[in-house]
């Protein structure tokens, strides 16, 4: 970045504004992302400047911009330099926070100016505007909403910059002509009251971060230097946490081993809205998947750590009895079936008989390849599979994907079946209406693909179980998957605020 005298740290800017106030000058503060500086921003800043003697602008640092993959388009240094070049701006600082509260406390402005589109605090899914107003008033200032010409930086970036591929831009344009972000978010908010059961294997994922050293001196194997390790709550626990960000009453039913440390770890990672019903086996341990990864998160090697039998007859009896008693109480049952032994034929029979709405994925992985497929379930309302899982279930390698999906969907009586295809996006088939929905990939940046399918199942299943249209469910599930590929393994669930902001970004 070219040095500019008015670009300061937040601490330096705070000291300078205190000096200006001692000189009797009124300080005005504006805060935002300013990813694409346009005439609407300039008019807003000029109007704000007229409310005082000096105008300072703070902007959100890159890692706190939560508008989705690929944002911000412009690096924080470039955004700061563009603002500093304006004659009406007297000082600029980058803030390492998601909203303007920290800047307000440091600057203590006489006037805090926001655009008129922020005036309705109820439309702010983050709650940031309300917190900013409290901070301004606590410092003795007032909030001003300017009423100048407005443009959407997000809309301009979506339309005129190569943020998305042409196919994705066409899809979003067509979708936004049929529905708005506000309508989608209102429907999503209506799912809060659903009672959801998540049934599946608990998995502890481990990443061992390494630095490759190269080929060993006396062989062809790869040597690595161990750097650090991290544990994540995976499997059905991750799915329950995703859903727990969007529904207020989530129950997780899962099997774990007898190690108290594993149980404590899994419980500590549950979202507040998730209640756990752990079926504890004294004869086997919780599955741990240990992955060795390089600095770019490429998987070098994977180890399955488990002691004892995959199935425990006592756990199977207890879980089946519990499902027979409780399954009907839930509006939706989501089954991420990882094929690790917890879910048995009797448990499947119970949820197929008693579930009001059943959403299922049968994952294909190294531990179950060739032994696990969706036709274990005689019925499911919604099935989500990736293309290999679909083709293996049908024993069909080459026929068109639509035909294979029809075969598999008919076999399990699915009302809707989704096929996720990585960088090619996904297809969702609604067998009742005959609708075929294609959603292209909504992210062109991938940090880690682990868990993206679970995020899609969680949100798409929740939407369909709550009665939302297949096109909306496919879009919301795809947006969740796009956010999830930015997250390392299952370090955190798909956050409600981030998803809402990304939906708004996509449909502008």
Protein backbone atom coordinates (compact mmCIF):
# COMPACT_ATOMS: atom_id res chain seq x y z
CA UNK A 1 0.00 0.00 0.00
CA UNK A 2 1.24 3.49 -0.79
CA UNK A 3 1.72 5.37 2.47
CA UNK A 4 -0.91 8.06 3.02
CA UNK A 5 -0.62 10.44 5.98
CA UNK A 6 -4.28 10.10 6.91
CA UNK A 7 -4.22 6.27 7.11
CA UNK A 8 -3.56 5.43 10.75
CA UNK A 9 -4.02 2.64 13.23
CA UNK A 10 -7.25 2.81 15.24
CA UNK A 11 -5.25 3.78 18.34
CA UNK A 12 -3.50 6.61 16.45
CA UNK A 13 -6.79 7.81 14.98
CA UNK A 14 -8.33 7.83 18.46
CA UNK A 15 -5.51 10.06 19.76
CA UNK A 16 -5.87 12.44 16.84
CA UNK A 17 -9.63 12.80 17.28
CA UNK A 18 -9.12 13.60 20.97
CA UNK A 19 -6.73 16.38 19.93
CA UNK A 20 -9.31 17.74 17.46
CA UNK A 21 -11.99 17.79 20.15
CA UNK A 22 -9.66 19.66 22.55
CA UNK A 23 -9.35 22.25 19.76
CA UNK A 24 -13.15 22.55 19.77
CA UNK A 25 -13.79 20.60 16.57
CA UNK A 26 -16.80 18.31 16.12
CA UNK A 27 -15.86 14.79 15.00
CA UNK A 28 -18.02 12.73 12.64
CA UNK A 29 -17.42 8.98 12.17
CA UNK A 30 -18.51 6.70 9.33
CA UNK A 31 -17.89 2.94 9.40
CA UNK A 32 -18.41 0.21 6.80
CA UNK A 33 -16.84 -2.25 4.37
CA UNK A 34 -16.50 0.09 1.36
CA UNK A 35 -15.56 -2.85 -0.87
CA UNK A 36 -16.37 -0.89 -4.00
CA UNK A 37 -16.26 2.88 -3.47
CA UNK A 38 -19.05 4.46 -5.54
CA UNK A 39 -21.09 7.66 -5.85
CA UNK A 40 -23.48 6.56 -3.12
CA UNK A 41 -20.59 6.27 -0.68
CA UNK A 42 -19.16 9.65 -1.73
CA UNK A 43 -22.50 11.45 -1.29
CA UNK A 44 -22.93 9.73 2.11
CA UNK A 45 -19.46 10.81 3.26
CA UNK A 46 -19.91 14.38 1.99
CA UNK A 47 -23.25 14.68 3.79
CA UNK A 48 -21.72 13.28 6.99
CA UNK A 49 -18.84 15.78 6.77
CA UNK A 50 -21.30 18.69 6.86
CA UNK A 51 -22.40 17.57 10.37
CA UNK A 52 -19.01 18.45 11.89
CA UNK A 53 -15.56 19.87 11.41
CA UNK A 54 -13.65 16.65 10.69
CA UNK A 55 -14.69 13.30 9.20
CA UNK A 56 -12.95 10.04 10.03
CA UNK A 57 -13.76 6.70 8.42
CA UNK A 58 -13.13 3.23 9.78
CA UNK A 59 -13.52 0.10 7.69
CA UNK A 60 -13.93 -3.57 8.47
CA UNK A 61 -10.75 -5.63 8.12
CA UNK A 62 -10.69 -8.37 5.51
CA UNK A 63 -11.03 -11.33 7.84
CA UNK A 64 -14.15 -9.88 9.46
CA UNK A 65 -16.06 -9.23 6.23
CA UNK A 66 -18.80 -11.87 6.36
CA UNK A 67 -20.49 -11.43 3.00
CA UNK A 68 -19.43 -14.83 1.76
CA UNK A 69 -16.66 -16.49 -0.24
CA UNK A 70 -14.69 -14.12 -2.46
CA UNK A 71 -15.49 -11.06 -0.38
CA UNK A 72 -14.09 -8.54 0.06
CA UNK A 73 -13.02 -8.19 -3.55
CA UNK A 74 -10.58 -5.40 -2.66
CA UNK A 75 -7.93 -5.83 0.04
CA UNK A 76 -8.31 -3.65 3.14
CA UNK A 77 -5.22 -1.62 2.22
CA UNK A 78 -6.71 -0.72 -1.17
CA UNK A 79 -10.06 0.15 0.42
CA UNK A 80 -8.33 2.38 2.97
CA UNK A 81 -6.27 4.13 0.30
CA UNK A 82 -9.37 4.87 -1.81
CA UNK A 83 -11.11 6.46 1.18
CA UNK A 84 -8.05 8.47 2.20
CA UNK A 85 -7.86 9.96 -1.30
CA UNK A 86 -11.23 11.74 -0.82
CA UNK A 87 -10.98 15.43 0.07
CA UNK A 88 -13.82 15.17 2.60
CA UNK A 89 -12.06 12.48 4.66
CA UNK A 90 -9.60 13.53 7.37
CA UNK A 91 -8.55 10.15 8.73
CA UNK A 92 -8.91 6.42 7.98
CA UNK A 93 -8.31 3.27 10.03
CA UNK A 94 -8.88 -0.45 9.53
CA UNK A 95 -10.76 -2.12 12.38
CA UNK A 96 -10.26 -5.78 13.26
CA UNK A 97 -13.88 -6.33 14.27
CA UNK A 98 -17.15 -7.33 12.62
CA UNK A 99 -18.95 -4.06 13.43
CA UNK A 100 -18.24 -0.45 14.38
CA UNK A 101 -18.50 -0.73 18.17
CA UNK A 102 -14.74 -0.90 18.75
CA UNK A 103 -14.19 2.11 16.48
CA UNK A 104 -16.94 4.09 18.22
CA UNK A 105 -15.37 3.44 21.61
CA UNK A 106 -11.95 4.53 20.36
CA UNK A 107 -13.18 7.64 18.49
CA UNK A 108 -16.13 8.71 20.72
CA UNK A 109 -17.66 10.69 17.82
CA UNK A 110 -20.02 13.61 18.20
CA UNK A 111 -21.94 12.18 15.23
CA UNK A 112 -22.00 8.62 13.88
CA UNK A 113 -23.35 8.57 10.32
CA UNK A 114 -24.92 5.57 8.56
CA UNK A 115 -26.82 5.28 5.32
CA UNK A 116 -30.61 5.35 5.31
CA UNK A 117 -30.72 1.63 4.42
CA UNK A 118 -29.56 0.92 8.00
CA UNK A 119 -32.33 2.95 9.65
CA UNK A 120 -34.57 -0.09 10.21
CA UNK A 121 -32.58 -1.95 12.87
CA UNK A 122 -35.02 -4.91 12.72
CA UNK A 123 -33.72 -5.77 9.23
CA UNK A 124 -30.14 -6.10 10.50
CA UNK A 125 -29.63 -9.85 11.08
CA UNK A 126 -26.35 -9.22 12.97
CA UNK A 127 -27.80 -6.84 15.56
CA UNK A 128 -24.75 -4.66 14.94
CA UNK A 129 -26.64 -1.43 14.32
CA UNK A 130 -28.38 -1.59 17.71
CA UNK A 131 -25.05 -2.20 19.48
CA UNK A 132 -23.44 0.65 17.55
CA UNK A 133 -26.24 3.04 18.55
CA UNK A 134 -25.80 2.09 22.21
CA UNK A 135 -22.06 2.70 21.99
CA UNK A 136 -22.52 6.10 20.32
CA UNK A 137 -25.06 7.29 22.89
CA UNK A 138 -22.93 5.96 25.76
CA UNK A 139 -20.09 8.18 24.47
CA UNK A 140 -22.40 11.23 24.36
CA UNK A 141 -22.87 11.30 20.58
CA UNK A 142 -25.83 10.89 18.25
CA UNK A 143 -26.60 8.73 15.24
CA UNK A 144 -27.37 10.33 11.87
CA UNK A 145 -28.93 8.43 8.97
CA UNK A 146 -28.06 10.18 5.74
CA UNK A 147 -30.62 10.17 2.93
CA UNK A 148 -28.49 10.43 -0.18
CA UNK A 149 -28.43 8.55 -3.47
CA UNK A 150 -27.84 4.86 -2.76
CA UNK A 151 -26.20 2.07 -4.70
CA UNK A 152 -25.41 -1.47 -3.62
CA UNK A 153 -21.71 -2.31 -3.72
CA UNK A 154 -22.66 -5.98 -3.58
CA UNK A 155 -24.97 -5.68 -6.58
CA UNK A 156 -22.36 -3.79 -8.60
CA UNK A 157 -19.67 -6.33 -7.72
CA UNK A 158 -21.95 -9.27 -8.55
CA UNK A 159 -22.94 -7.79 -11.91
CA UNK A 160 -19.74 -6.19 -13.16
CA UNK A 161 -16.85 -8.04 -11.52
CA UNK A 162 -15.89 -11.67 -12.06
CA UNK A 163 -16.96 -12.66 -8.55
CA UNK A 164 -18.97 -15.57 -9.96
CA UNK A 165 -18.82 -17.61 -13.14
CA UNK A 166 -21.30 -16.66 -15.91
CA UNK A 167 -23.45 -19.73 -15.16
CA UNK A 168 -23.69 -18.75 -11.51
CA UNK A 169 -24.55 -15.13 -12.36
CA UNK A 170 -27.36 -16.32 -14.64
CA UNK A 171 -28.71 -18.61 -11.95
CA UNK A 172 -28.66 -15.88 -9.29
CA UNK A 173 -30.25 -13.37 -11.66
CA UNK A 174 -33.09 -15.76 -12.46
CA UNK A 175 -33.57 -16.69 -8.81
CA UNK A 176 -33.62 -13.06 -7.63
CA UNK A 177 -36.31 -12.32 -10.24
CA UNK A 178 -38.53 -14.96 -8.56
CA UNK A 179 -37.76 -14.28 -4.91
CA UNK A 180 -35.91 -11.80 -2.71
CA UNK A 181 -33.39 -12.23 0.07
CA UNK A 182 -35.96 -10.85 2.50
CA UNK A 183 -38.47 -13.54 1.49
CA UNK A 184 -35.90 -16.33 1.79
CA UNK A 185 -34.74 -15.12 5.21
CA UNK A 186 -38.32 -14.78 6.43
CA UNK A 187 -38.99 -18.39 5.42
CA UNK A 188 -35.76 -19.51 7.05
CA UNK A 189 -36.71 -17.70 10.25
CA UNK A 190 -40.03 -19.57 10.22
CA UNK A 191 -38.16 -22.84 10.76
CA UNK A 192 -37.00 -21.90 14.26
CA UNK A 193 -39.93 -23.67 15.90
CA UNK A 194 -39.35 -27.07 14.28
CA UNK A 195 -38.50 -29.97 16.58
CA UNK A 196 -35.60 -31.78 14.93
CA UNK A 197 -33.94 -35.11 15.69
CA UNK A 198 -30.47 -35.83 14.31
CA UNK A 199 -29.61 -39.53 14.32
CA UNK A 200 -26.16 -40.77 13.36
CA UNK A 201 -22.60 -41.72 14.25
CA UNK A 202 -20.53 -39.47 16.46
CA UNK A 203 -17.02 -38.98 15.07
CA UNK A 204 -14.02 -37.20 16.50
CA UNK A 205 -12.03 -35.74 13.62
CA UNK A 206 -8.35 -35.00 14.16
CA UNK A 207 -6.09 -32.94 11.94
CA UNK A 208 -2.38 -33.41 12.43
CA UNK A 209 -0.77 -30.44 10.72
CA UNK A 210 2.56 -31.29 9.14
CA UNK A 211 5.31 -29.80 7.04
CA UNK A 212 6.54 -32.19 4.32
CA UNK A 213 10.27 -32.91 4.40
CA UNK A 214 10.37 -34.90 1.17
CA UNK A 215 11.31 -38.44 0.32
CA UNK A 216 13.02 -40.51 2.99
CA UNK A 217 16.72 -41.21 2.52
CA UNK A 218 16.37 -44.98 2.16
CA UNK A 219 12.99 -45.51 0.56
CA UNK A 220 10.13 -44.02 -1.41
CA UNK A 221 7.89 -42.93 1.47
CA UNK A 222 7.18 -39.32 2.42
CA UNK A 223 8.64 -37.86 5.59
CA UNK A 224 6.91 -34.97 7.38
CA UNK A 225 7.61 -32.73 10.34
CA UNK A 226 4.79 -32.62 12.90
CA UNK A 227 3.64 -29.07 13.69
CA UNK A 228 0.42 -29.32 15.75
CA UNK A 229 -2.89 -31.17 16.13
CA UNK A 230 -6.52 -30.15 16.45
CA UNK A 231 -9.70 -32.07 17.30
CA UNK A 232 -13.19 -31.45 15.91
CA UNK A 233 -16.62 -32.80 16.78
CA UNK A 234 -17.71 -34.46 13.56
CA UNK A 235 -20.28 -36.83 12.13
CA UNK A 236 -23.81 -36.38 13.45
CA UNK A 237 -22.55 -33.91 16.06
CA UNK A 238 -21.54 -31.49 13.30
CA UNK A 239 -24.93 -31.89 11.58
CA UNK A 240 -26.80 -31.21 14.83
CA UNK A 241 -24.72 -28.08 15.39
CA UNK A 242 -25.47 -26.79 11.87
CA UNK A 243 -29.20 -27.27 12.41
CA UNK A 244 -28.98 -25.86 15.93
CA UNK A 245 -28.09 -22.47 14.45
CA UNK A 246 -31.47 -22.36 12.67
CA UNK A 247 -33.86 -24.36 14.88
CA UNK A 248 -34.28 -23.83 18.61
CA UNK A 249 -35.16 -27.42 19.59
CA UNK A 250 -32.66 -29.99 18.30
CA UNK A 251 -32.02 -33.44 19.77
CA UNK A 252 -28.94 -35.46 18.88
CA UNK A 253 -29.19 -39.25 19.25
CA UNK A 254 -25.84 -40.90 18.76
CA UNK A 255 -23.63 -43.72 19.92
CA UNK A 256 -20.29 -43.16 21.63
CA UNK A 257 -17.67 -45.28 23.36
CA UNK A 258 -17.06 -45.56 27.07
CA UNK A 259 -14.14 -43.10 27.29
CA UNK A 260 -15.35 -40.24 29.56
CA UNK A 261 -12.87 -37.83 27.95
CA UNK A 262 -14.46 -38.34 24.54
CA UNK A 263 -17.92 -37.75 25.97
CA UNK A 264 -16.79 -34.56 27.71
CA UNK A 265 -15.19 -33.30 24.51
CA UNK A 266 -18.30 -33.96 22.39
CA UNK A 267 -20.63 -32.38 24.95
CA UNK A 268 -18.41 -29.32 25.15
CA UNK A 269 -18.77 -28.77 21.42
CA UNK A 270 -22.58 -28.85 21.28
CA UNK A 271 -24.52 -25.71 20.38
CA UNK A 272 -26.80 -24.40 23.14
CA UNK A 273 -29.91 -25.39 21.19
CA UNK A 274 -28.80 -29.05 20.94
CA UNK A 275 -29.73 -31.63 23.55
CA UNK A 276 -27.77 -34.89 23.38
CA UNK A 277 -29.00 -38.44 23.98
CA UNK A 278 -25.78 -40.45 24.04
CA UNK A 279 -26.01 -44.24 23.87
CA UNK A 280 -22.77 -45.34 25.52
CA UNK A 281 -21.07 -48.60 24.63
CA UNK A 282 -18.80 -50.15 27.24
CA UNK A 283 -17.31 -52.56 24.69
CA UNK A 284 -16.15 -50.18 21.98
CA UNK A 285 -14.74 -46.68 21.59
CA UNK A 286 -15.87 -43.58 19.75
CA UNK A 287 -14.51 -43.53 16.20
CA UNK A 288 -11.57 -41.15 15.78
CA UNK A 289 -10.51 -40.23 12.25
CA UNK A 290 -6.95 -38.96 12.31
CA UNK A 291 -5.90 -37.12 9.17
CA UNK A 292 -2.38 -35.94 8.43
CA UNK A 293 -2.46 -32.77 6.34
CA UNK A 294 0.10 -30.48 4.73
CA UNK A 295 0.12 -26.65 5.07
CA UNK A 296 -2.47 -26.38 2.25
CA UNK A 297 -4.75 -28.87 4.07
CA UNK A 298 -4.15 -31.56 1.44
CA UNK A 299 -4.75 -34.95 3.05
CA UNK A 300 -1.59 -37.06 3.15
CA UNK A 301 -2.84 -40.05 5.12
CA UNK A 302 -5.83 -41.07 7.24
CA UNK A 303 -6.06 -43.47 10.19
CA UNK A 304 -9.26 -44.90 11.68
CA UNK A 305 -8.87 -45.34 15.46
CA UNK A 306 -11.42 -47.61 17.09
CA UNK A 307 -11.41 -50.39 19.65
CA UNK A 308 -14.01 -53.12 20.00
CA UNK A 309 -16.90 -54.13 17.73
CA UNK A 310 -18.69 -51.67 15.48
CA UNK A 311 -22.09 -52.73 16.84
CA UNK A 312 -23.12 -53.19 20.45
CA UNK A 313 -26.29 -55.25 20.96
CA UNK A 314 -27.24 -53.42 24.17
CA UNK A 315 -26.83 -50.00 22.52
CA UNK A 316 -28.85 -51.26 19.55
CA UNK A 317 -31.74 -52.38 21.79
CA UNK A 318 -31.74 -49.17 23.84
CA UNK A 319 -31.55 -46.88 20.80
CA UNK A 320 -34.29 -48.76 18.92
CA UNK A 321 -36.59 -48.65 21.95
CA UNK A 322 -35.91 -44.93 22.37
CA UNK A 323 -36.71 -44.27 18.71
CA UNK A 324 -39.92 -46.31 18.90
CA UNK A 325 -41.01 -44.12 21.81
CA UNK A 326 -39.79 -40.70 20.69
CA UNK A 327 -39.50 -40.54 16.88
CA UNK A 328 -43.08 -39.39 16.35
CA UNK A 329 -42.52 -36.35 18.57
CA UNK A 330 -40.26 -34.68 16.02
CA UNK A 331 -41.28 -32.64 12.98
CA UNK A 332 -38.14 -33.71 11.15
CA UNK A 333 -35.57 -36.48 11.50
CA UNK A 334 -32.21 -35.92 9.81
CA UNK A 335 -30.04 -39.02 9.45
CA UNK A 336 -26.40 -38.52 8.44
CA UNK A 337 -25.58 -42.23 8.19
CA UNK A 338 -21.81 -42.62 8.01
CA UNK A 339 -22.00 -46.41 7.99
CA UNK A 340 -19.76 -46.83 11.02
CA UNK A 341 -22.02 -49.31 12.79
CA UNK A 342 -24.22 -47.29 15.13
CA UNK A 343 -27.32 -47.25 12.91
CA UNK A 344 -28.76 -50.76 12.57
CA UNK A 345 -31.58 -52.26 10.52
CA UNK A 346 -33.97 -52.10 13.50
CA UNK A 347 -33.20 -48.42 14.08
CA UNK A 348 -33.76 -47.70 10.38
CA UNK A 349 -37.08 -49.51 10.53
CA UNK A 350 -38.13 -47.40 13.52
CA UNK A 351 -37.44 -44.03 11.85
CA UNK A 352 -38.94 -45.16 8.54
CA UNK A 353 -42.15 -46.21 10.31
CA UNK A 354 -42.47 -43.35 12.76
CA UNK A 355 -40.73 -40.34 11.23
CA UNK A 356 -43.03 -37.53 10.04
CA UNK A 357 -40.36 -36.29 7.64
CA UNK A 358 -37.13 -38.19 7.10
CA UNK A 359 -34.01 -36.69 5.45
CA UNK A 360 -31.13 -39.13 4.86
CA UNK A 361 -27.60 -39.29 3.55
CA UNK A 362 -25.67 -42.56 3.40
CA UNK A 363 -22.07 -41.51 3.16
CA UNK A 364 -19.53 -43.44 1.15
CA UNK A 365 -16.18 -43.55 2.93
CA UNK A 366 -13.10 -45.70 3.35
CA UNK A 367 -14.63 -47.61 6.25
CA UNK A 368 -17.76 -48.77 4.46
CA UNK A 369 -16.99 -48.81 0.73
CA UNK A 370 -19.04 -51.55 -0.94
CA UNK A 371 -21.15 -52.25 2.16
CA UNK A 372 -23.26 -49.12 2.58
CA UNK A 373 -25.96 -47.62 0.34
CA UNK A 374 -29.22 -45.69 0.52
CA UNK A 375 -31.36 -48.76 -0.16
CA UNK A 376 -30.82 -49.74 3.48
CA UNK A 377 -33.77 -47.35 3.92
CA UNK A 378 -37.07 -48.56 2.51
CA UNK A 379 -38.43 -45.02 2.67
CA UNK A 380 -37.16 -41.45 3.05
CA UNK A 381 -38.83 -38.17 2.16
CA UNK A 382 -35.55 -36.46 1.18
CA UNK A 383 -32.32 -38.11 0.11
CA UNK A 384 -29.04 -36.23 -0.40
CA UNK A 385 -26.12 -38.09 -2.01
CA UNK A 386 -23.02 -37.19 -3.92
CA UNK A 387 -22.67 -38.62 -7.41
CA UNK A 388 -20.48 -41.64 -6.45
CA UNK A 389 -22.90 -42.52 -3.64
CA UNK A 390 -25.81 -42.33 -6.08
CA UNK A 391 -24.17 -44.42 -8.80
CA UNK A 392 -22.93 -47.10 -6.39
CA UNK A 393 -26.43 -47.38 -4.93
CA UNK A 394 -27.81 -47.98 -8.42
CA UNK A 395 -24.82 -50.07 -9.61
CA UNK A 396 -24.88 -47.75 -12.59
CA UNK A 397 -21.68 -46.09 -13.77
CA UNK A 398 -22.61 -44.56 -17.10
CA UNK A 399 -26.30 -43.67 -17.55
CA UNK A 400 -27.33 -39.97 -17.43
CA UNK A 401 -27.52 -38.64 -13.92
CA UNK A 402 -31.24 -37.85 -14.25
CA UNK A 403 -32.04 -41.49 -15.02
CA UNK A 404 -29.92 -42.82 -12.17
CA UNK A 405 -31.50 -40.34 -9.73
CA UNK A 406 -34.97 -41.45 -10.86
CA UNK A 407 -34.07 -45.10 -10.25
CA UNK A 408 -32.70 -44.49 -6.76
CA UNK A 409 -35.45 -42.04 -5.80
CA UNK A 410 -38.17 -44.49 -6.82
CA UNK A 411 -36.53 -47.33 -4.89
CA UNK A 412 -36.73 -45.46 -1.58
CA UNK A 413 -39.93 -43.54 -2.40
CA UNK A 414 -38.20 -40.18 -1.98
CA UNK A 415 -40.26 -37.05 -2.59
CA UNK A 416 -37.03 -35.14 -3.29
CA UNK A 417 -33.52 -36.33 -4.13
CA UNK A 418 -30.42 -34.14 -4.34
CA UNK A 419 -27.16 -35.05 -6.03
CA UNK A 420 -24.15 -32.96 -4.99
CA UNK A 421 -21.40 -32.75 -7.61
CA UNK A 422 -18.62 -30.62 -6.12
CA UNK A 423 -17.48 -27.86 -8.45
CA UNK A 424 -20.41 -28.66 -10.78
CA UNK A 425 -22.93 -27.68 -8.13
CA UNK A 426 -25.94 -29.86 -7.46
CA UNK A 427 -29.14 -31.22 -8.91
CA UNK A 428 -32.35 -31.56 -6.93
CA UNK A 429 -35.22 -33.63 -8.31
CA UNK A 430 -38.71 -33.10 -6.94
CA UNK A 431 -40.53 -36.31 -7.85
CA UNK A 432 -43.96 -34.88 -6.95
CA UNK A 433 -43.87 -31.93 -9.34
CA UNK A 434 -41.27 -33.25 -11.78
CA UNK A 435 -39.18 -30.11 -11.12
CA UNK A 436 -35.44 -30.35 -11.74
CA UNK A 437 -33.39 -27.70 -9.93
CA UNK A 438 -29.77 -27.07 -10.86
CA UNK A 439 -27.72 -24.89 -8.54
CA UNK A 440 -24.17 -24.12 -9.70
CA UNK A 441 -21.38 -23.99 -7.13
CA UNK A 442 -21.79 -20.82 -5.07
CA UNK A 443 -18.14 -20.60 -4.02
CA UNK A 444 -15.04 -20.58 -6.18
CA UNK A 445 -12.72 -20.62 -3.16
CA UNK A 446 -12.21 -23.81 -1.18
CA UNK A 447 -10.30 -24.12 2.07
CA UNK A 448 -11.50 -27.61 3.06
CA UNK A 449 -14.21 -29.79 1.52
CA UNK A 450 -14.64 -31.98 4.61
CA UNK A 451 -18.18 -31.46 5.96
CA UNK A 452 -19.67 -29.57 3.00
CA UNK A 453 -22.11 -32.39 2.21
CA UNK A 454 -23.21 -32.46 5.85
CA UNK A 455 -23.88 -28.71 5.75
CA UNK A 456 -26.00 -29.17 2.61
CA UNK A 457 -27.99 -32.05 4.13
CA UNK A 458 -28.56 -30.03 7.32
CA UNK A 459 -29.95 -26.88 5.71
CA UNK A 460 -31.68 -28.40 2.68
CA UNK A 461 -33.26 -31.08 4.88
CA UNK A 462 -34.42 -28.47 7.40
CA UNK A 463 -35.95 -26.36 4.63
CA UNK A 464 -37.78 -29.25 2.97
CA UNK A 465 -38.91 -30.66 6.32
CA UNK A 466 -40.33 -27.23 7.12
CA UNK A 467 -42.32 -27.12 3.89
CA UNK A 468 -40.17 -24.72 1.87
CA UNK A 469 -40.08 -25.04 -1.91
CA UNK A 470 -37.42 -27.35 -3.41
CA UNK A 471 -35.79 -24.42 -5.27
CA UNK A 472 -35.40 -22.49 -2.01
CA UNK A 473 -34.12 -25.56 -0.15
CA UNK A 474 -31.55 -26.26 -2.86
CA UNK A 475 -30.36 -22.64 -2.81
CA UNK A 476 -30.10 -22.37 0.99
CA UNK A 477 -28.37 -25.75 1.24
CA UNK A 478 -25.91 -24.75 -1.47
CA UNK A 479 -25.17 -21.44 0.26
CA UNK A 480 -24.50 -23.34 3.49
CA UNK A 481 -22.12 -25.70 1.68
CA UNK A 482 -20.35 -22.70 0.09
CA UNK A 483 -19.73 -21.24 3.53
CA UNK A 484 -18.69 -24.60 4.95
CA UNK A 485 -15.87 -25.09 2.44
CA UNK A 486 -14.30 -21.96 3.96
CA UNK A 487 -14.14 -23.69 7.37
CA UNK A 488 -11.38 -26.10 8.38
CA UNK A 489 -13.04 -29.49 8.93
CA UNK A 490 -15.78 -29.04 11.57
CA UNK A 491 -14.07 -26.25 13.49
CA UNK A 492 -17.36 -24.37 13.68
CA UNK A 493 -20.89 -24.83 12.34
CA UNK A 494 -22.48 -22.76 9.60
CA UNK A 495 -23.46 -19.62 11.46
CA UNK A 496 -26.96 -18.18 11.07
CA UNK A 497 -25.79 -14.57 10.71
CA UNK A 498 -23.16 -15.45 8.11
CA UNK A 499 -25.63 -17.49 6.09
CA UNK A 500 -28.23 -14.71 6.19
CA UNK A 501 -25.65 -12.16 5.07
CA UNK A 502 -24.46 -14.46 2.28
CA UNK A 503 -28.01 -15.05 1.05
CA UNK A 504 -28.45 -11.26 0.97
CA UNK A 505 -25.16 -10.88 -0.91
CA UNK A 506 -26.12 -13.50 -3.50
CA UNK A 507 -29.60 -12.14 -4.22
CA UNK A 508 -28.71 -8.45 -4.53
